[in-house]
Amino acid sequence: MANEGKKWSDGSILESTTLADNDQFLIIQASSGQSKRIKAKNNTTYKKYVALLTQIGNAAPSIVSNGTGANTPLENTLGGTIVWARTGAGAYTGTLVGAFTADKTFLFPSQSQTNDTFVTMSRASADVVNLSTLNAAQTVLGDSKLNTTPIEIRVYSS
């Protein structure tokens, strides 16, 4: 907690909490007893998907568990589950119907520092994103290049 141990001027402990959209909280002024109700608003203008992907042999990419269960991304606010598939050597798709809005979808693949791999991502349609792994030394697509590789997908609302 960022504010742990800090105190208000009246000596009470300052606490921090995470509020969801439309949550309300009450502020009471100690000296007058006046209160004010405030509604939280989420200022995030995008939904996101953050995951660590691993791919071996002819298998589809799989998500490295976030500790809450297999195939659970680190964060997913897209409103559904992306289904990963292998379409050929080093070529993969992530599918979620209607999730990837044109001109509002941003893809952030992480580049490997250990196995000379170049990772690319692109939006194919409103339903599909492409992910490719290329061995930069051989300039060919190849499998087994994703090893707990971080990716992030953001879809902006405005």
C-alpha atoms as a PDB file:
ATOM      1  CA  MET A   1       0.000   0.000   0.000  1.00  0.00           C
ATOM      2  CA  ALA A   2       1.545   3.314  -1.125  1.00  0.00           C
ATOM      3  CA  ASN A   3       0.199   5.324   1.821  1.00  0.00           C
ATOM      4  CA  GLU A   4       0.924   2.737   4.523  1.00  0.00           C
ATOM      5  CA  GLY A   5       1.939   4.306   7.835  1.00  0.00           C
ATOM      6  CA  LYS A   6       0.989   7.861   6.852  1.00  0.00           C
ATOM      7  CA  LYS A   7      -1.489   9.824   8.937  1.00  0.00           C
ATOM      8  CA  TRP A   8      -4.013  12.574   8.386  1.00  0.00           C
ATOM      9  CA  SER A   9      -3.516  15.860  10.247  1.00  0.00           C
ATOM     10  CA  ASP A  10      -6.003  14.717  12.928  1.00  0.00           C
ATOM     11  CA  GLY A  11      -3.842  11.637  13.645  1.00  0.00           C
ATOM     12  CA  SER A  12      -6.106   9.085  11.992  1.00  0.00           C
ATOM     13  CA  ILE A  13      -4.435   6.561   9.706  1.00  0.00           C
ATOM     14  CA  LEU A  14      -4.522   7.240   5.983  1.00  0.00           C
ATOM     15  CA  GLU A  15      -5.786   4.160   4.182  1.00  0.00           C
ATOM     16  CA  SER A  16      -5.785   3.376   0.509  1.00  0.00           C
ATOM     17  CA  THR A  17      -8.121   1.146  -1.441  1.00  0.00           C
ATOM     18  CA  THR A  18      -8.943   0.390  -5.050  1.00  0.00           C
ATOM     19  CA  LEU A  19     -12.370   1.498  -6.193  1.00  0.00           C
ATOM     20  CA  ALA A  20     -14.312   0.076  -9.105  1.00  0.00           C
ATOM     21  CA  ASP A  21     -16.237   2.269 -11.520  1.00  0.00           C
ATOM     22  CA  ASN A  22     -19.298   3.835  -9.843  1.00  0.00           C
ATOM     23  CA  ASP A  23     -18.215   2.827  -6.320  1.00  0.00           C
ATOM     24  CA  GLN A  24     -19.011   5.532  -3.794  1.00  0.00           C
ATOM     25  CA  PHE A  25     -17.084   6.606  -0.760  1.00  0.00           C
ATOM     26  CA  LEU A  26     -17.861   9.042   2.022  1.00  0.00           C
ATOM     27  CA  ILE A  27     -15.551  11.830   3.165  1.00  0.00           C
ATOM     28  CA  ILE A  28     -16.272  13.313   6.602  1.00  0.00           C
ATOM     29  CA  GLN A  29     -14.594  16.524   7.687  1.00  0.00           C
ATOM     30  CA  ALA A  30     -13.382  15.947  11.251  1.00  0.00           C
ATOM     31  CA  SER A  31     -13.785  19.525  12.511  1.00  0.00           C
ATOM     32  CA  SER A  32     -17.332  20.184  11.261  1.00  0.00           C
ATOM     33  CA  GLY A  33     -18.728  16.691  10.814  1.00  0.00           C
ATOM     34  CA  GLN A  34     -19.864  17.619   7.313  1.00  0.00           C
ATOM     35  CA  SER A  35     -19.843  14.785   4.836  1.00  0.00           C
ATOM     36  CA  LYS A  36     -19.587  14.483   1.090  1.00  0.00           C
ATOM     37  CA  ARG A  37     -20.281  11.424  -1.057  1.00  0.00           C
ATOM     38  CA  ILE A  38     -17.963  10.925  -4.061  1.00  0.00           C
ATOM     39  CA  LYS A  39     -18.457   8.482  -6.935  1.00  0.00           C
ATOM     40  CA  ALA A  40     -15.384   6.835  -8.444  1.00  0.00           C
ATOM     41  CA  LYS A  41     -14.837   6.987 -12.187  1.00  0.00           C
ATOM     42  CA  ASN A  42     -12.461   4.751 -14.061  1.00  0.00           C
ATOM     43  CA  ASN A  43     -10.295   6.972 -16.258  1.00  0.00           C
ATOM     44  CA  THR A  44      -8.805   4.097 -18.239  1.00  0.00           C
ATOM     45  CA  THR A  45      -9.708   4.635 -21.871  1.00  0.00           C
ATOM     46  CA  TYR A  46      -8.778   1.157 -23.027  1.00  0.00           C
ATOM     47  CA  LYS A  47      -9.353  -2.502 -22.330  1.00  0.00           C
ATOM     48  CA  LYS A  48      -6.303  -4.721 -22.188  1.00  0.00           C
ATOM     49  CA  TYR A  49      -4.976  -8.233 -22.327  1.00  0.00           C
ATOM     50  CA  VAL A  50      -1.582  -9.003 -20.788  1.00  0.00           C
ATOM     51  CA  ALA A  51      -0.159 -12.508 -20.872  1.00  0.00           C
ATOM     52  CA  LEU A  52       3.017 -14.557 -20.866  1.00  0.00           C
ATOM     53  CA  LEU A  53       2.990 -16.957 -23.830  1.00  0.00           C
ATOM     54  CA  THR A  54       4.923 -20.163 -24.378  1.00  0.00           C
ATOM     55  CA  GLN A  55       4.855 -22.297 -27.548  1.00  0.00           C
ATOM     56  CA  ILE A  56       6.572 -25.647 -28.151  1.00  0.00           C
ATOM     57  CA  GLY A  57       6.736 -27.767 -31.316  1.00  0.00           C
ATOM     58  CA  ASN A  58       3.485 -27.959 -33.314  1.00  0.00           C
ATOM     59  CA  ALA A  59       1.296 -26.852 -30.388  1.00  0.00           C
ATOM     60  CA  ALA A  60      -0.692 -23.633 -30.146  1.00  0.00           C
ATOM     61  CA  PRO A  61       0.729 -20.959 -27.851  1.00  0.00           C
ATOM     62  CA  SER A  62      -0.302 -21.407 -24.232  1.00  0.00           C
ATOM     63  CA  ILE A  63      -0.582 -18.900 -21.438  1.00  0.00           C
ATOM     64  CA  VAL A  64       1.800 -19.239 -18.521  1.00  0.00           C
ATOM     65  CA  SER A  65      -0.413 -19.284 -15.422  1.00  0.00           C
ATOM     66  CA  ASN A  66      -0.699 -16.121 -13.357  1.00  0.00           C
ATOM     67  CA  GLY A  67      -1.006 -18.277 -10.255  1.00  0.00           C
ATOM     68  CA  THR A  68      -4.807 -18.505 -10.281  1.00  0.00           C
ATOM     69  CA  GLY A  69      -5.042 -21.371 -12.748  1.00  0.00           C
ATOM     70  CA  ALA A  70      -3.783 -22.653 -16.079  1.00  0.00           C
ATOM     71  CA  ASN A  71      -4.304 -20.455 -19.131  1.00  0.00           C
ATOM     72  CA  THR A  72      -5.147 -17.387 -17.065  1.00  0.00           C
ATOM     73  CA  PRO A  73      -3.575 -14.165 -18.378  1.00  0.00           C
ATOM     74  CA  LEU A  74      -1.979 -11.651 -16.044  1.00  0.00           C
ATOM     75  CA  GLU A  75      -4.801  -9.240 -16.900  1.00  0.00           C
ATOM     76  CA  ASN A  76      -7.779  -9.421 -19.237  1.00  0.00           C
ATOM     77  CA  THR A  77     -10.447  -6.725 -19.443  1.00  0.00           C
ATOM     78  CA  LEU A  78     -11.434  -7.465 -23.077  1.00  0.00           C
ATOM     79  CA  GLY A  79     -14.629  -9.205 -22.004  1.00  0.00           C
ATOM     80  CA  GLY A  80     -13.787 -12.701 -23.227  1.00  0.00           C
ATOM     81  CA  THR A  81     -11.070 -15.294 -23.636  1.00  0.00           C
ATOM     82  CA  ILE A  82      -8.581 -15.088 -26.501  1.00  0.00           C
ATOM     83  CA  VAL A  83      -8.176 -18.517 -28.106  1.00  0.00           C
ATOM     84  CA  TRP A  84      -4.637 -19.072 -29.410  1.00  0.00           C
ATOM     85  CA  ALA A  85      -3.987 -21.354 -32.412  1.00  0.00           C
ATOM     86  CA  ARG A  86      -0.997 -22.373 -34.528  1.00  0.00           C
ATOM     87  CA  THR A  87      -1.553 -21.812 -38.277  1.00  0.00           C
ATOM     88  CA  GLY A  88       1.952 -22.820 -39.445  1.00  0.00           C
ATOM     89  CA  ALA A  89       5.580 -22.765 -38.366  1.00  0.00           C
ATOM     90  CA  GLY A  90       6.057 -19.602 -36.302  1.00  0.00           C
ATOM     91  CA  ALA A  91       2.574 -18.316 -37.230  1.00  0.00           C
ATOM     92  CA  TYR A  92      -0.220 -18.051 -34.664  1.00  0.00           C
ATOM     93  CA  THR A  93      -3.621 -16.398 -34.258  1.00  0.00           C
ATOM     94  CA  GLY A  94      -5.495 -15.107 -31.250  1.00  0.00           C
ATOM     95  CA  THR A  95      -9.262 -15.085 -31.723  1.00  0.00           C
ATOM     96  CA  LEU A  96     -11.929 -13.229 -29.740  1.00  0.00           C
ATOM     97  CA  VAL A  97     -15.076 -12.285 -31.663  1.00  0.00           C
ATOM     98  CA  GLY A  98     -15.497  -8.506 -32.088  1.00  0.00           C
ATOM     99  CA  ALA A  99     -12.685  -7.600 -29.690  1.00  0.00           C
ATOM    100  CA  PHE A 100     -10.130  -5.909 -31.962  1.00  0.00           C
ATOM    101  CA  THR A 101     -11.574  -2.607 -33.184  1.00  0.00           C
ATOM    102  CA  ALA A 102     -10.015  -1.119 -36.332  1.00  0.00           C
ATOM    103  CA  ASP A 103      -7.703   1.851 -35.679  1.00  0.00           C
ATOM    104  CA  LYS A 104      -8.107   1.387 -31.908  1.00  0.00           C
ATOM    105  CA  THR A 105      -6.178  -1.833 -31.319  1.00  0.00           C
ATOM    106  CA  PHE A 106      -2.532  -1.559 -30.263  1.00  0.00           C
ATOM    107  CA  LEU A 107      -0.297  -4.615 -29.994  1.00  0.00           C
ATOM    108  CA  PHE A 108       2.865  -4.800 -27.910  1.00  0.00           C
ATOM    109  CA  PRO A 109       4.947  -7.950 -28.344  1.00  0.00           C
ATOM    110  CA  SER A 110       8.077  -8.352 -26.246  1.00  0.00           C
ATOM    111  CA  GLN A 111      11.345  -9.083 -27.998  1.00  0.00           C
ATOM    112  CA  SER A 112      13.410 -12.015 -26.738  1.00  0.00           C
ATOM    113  CA  GLN A 113      16.900 -11.236 -25.541  1.00  0.00           C
ATOM    114  CA  THR A 114      17.970 -14.849 -25.131  1.00  0.00           C
ATOM    115  CA  ASN A 115      17.152 -16.823 -28.273  1.00  0.00           C
ATOM    116  CA  ASP A 116      17.588 -14.296 -31.097  1.00  0.00           C
ATOM    117  CA  THR A 117      13.860 -14.194 -31.785  1.00  0.00           C
ATOM    118  CA  PHE A 118      11.878 -11.380 -33.344  1.00  0.00           C
ATOM    119  CA  VAL A 119       8.170 -11.372 -32.369  1.00  0.00           C
ATOM    120  CA  THR A 120       5.601  -9.484 -34.449  1.00  0.00           C
ATOM    121  CA  MET A 121       1.901  -8.882 -33.938  1.00  0.00           C
ATOM    122  CA  SER A 122      -0.748  -7.432 -36.239  1.00  0.00           C
ATOM    123  CA  ARG A 123      -4.509  -6.990 -36.313  1.00  0.00           C
ATOM    124  CA  ALA A 124      -6.046  -9.257 -38.979  1.00  0.00           C
ATOM    125  CA  SER A 125      -9.715  -8.417 -38.373  1.00  0.00           C
ATOM    126  CA  ALA A 126     -12.186  -7.450 -35.671  1.00  0.00           C
ATOM    127  CA  ASP A 127     -11.946 -11.059 -34.457  1.00  0.00           C
ATOM    128  CA  VAL A 128      -8.294 -12.038 -34.994  1.00  0.00           C
ATOM    129  CA  VAL A 129      -4.774 -10.868 -34.163  1.00  0.00           C
ATOM    130  CA  ASN A 130      -1.710 -12.488 -35.727  1.00  0.00           C
ATOM    131  CA  LEU A 131       1.461 -13.307 -33.841  1.00  0.00           C
ATOM    132  CA  SER A 132       4.655 -14.488 -35.582  1.00  0.00           C
ATOM    133  CA  THR A 133       8.069 -15.607 -34.362  1.00  0.00           C
ATOM    134  CA  LEU A 134      11.045 -15.158 -36.637  1.00  0.00           C
ATOM    135  CA  ASN A 135      14.611 -16.267 -36.018  1.00  0.00           C
ATOM    136  CA  ALA A 136      16.436 -13.070 -36.995  1.00  0.00           C
ATOM    137  CA  ALA A 137      19.655 -14.938 -37.898  1.00  0.00           C
ATOM    138  CA  GLN A 138      17.887 -17.305 -40.307  1.00  0.00           C
ATOM    139  CA  THR A 139      15.127 -14.876 -41.421  1.00  0.00           C
ATOM    140  CA  VAL A 140      12.545 -17.684 -41.304  1.00  0.00           C
ATOM    141  CA  LEU A 141       9.460 -18.259 -39.194  1.00  0.00           C
ATOM    142  CA  GLY A 142      10.001 -20.846 -36.509  1.00  0.00           C
ATOM    143  CA  ASP A 143       8.285 -22.657 -33.674  1.00  0.00           C
ATOM    144  CA  SER A 144       9.387 -23.028 -30.050  1.00  0.00           C
ATOM    145  CA  LYS A 145      10.508 -19.379 -29.867  1.00  0.00           C
ATOM    146  CA  LEU A 146       7.979 -18.183 -27.271  1.00  0.00           C
ATOM    147  CA  ASN A 147       9.252 -18.884 -23.786  1.00  0.00           C
ATOM    148  CA  THR A 148       7.274 -16.976 -21.164  1.00  0.00           C
ATOM    149  CA  THR A 149       7.168 -14.115 -23.680  1.00  0.00           C
ATOM    150  CA  PRO A 150       5.142 -11.083 -22.515  1.00  0.00           C
ATOM    151  CA  ILE A 151       2.543  -9.570 -24.838  1.00  0.00           C
ATOM    152  CA  GLU A 152       0.004  -6.792 -24.344  1.00  0.00           C
ATOM    153  CA  ILE A 153      -3.056  -5.931 -26.417  1.00  0.00           C
ATOM    154  CA  ARG A 154      -4.886  -2.639 -25.846  1.00  0.00           C
ATOM    155  CA  VAL A 155      -8.229  -1.718 -27.401  1.00  0.00           C
ATOM    156  CA  TYR A 156      -9.100   1.950 -26.966  1.00  0.00           C
ATOM    157  CA  SER A 157     -12.701   3.064 -26.577  1.00  0.00           C
ATOM    158  CA  SER A 158     -12.318   6.561 -27.978  1.00  0.00           C
END
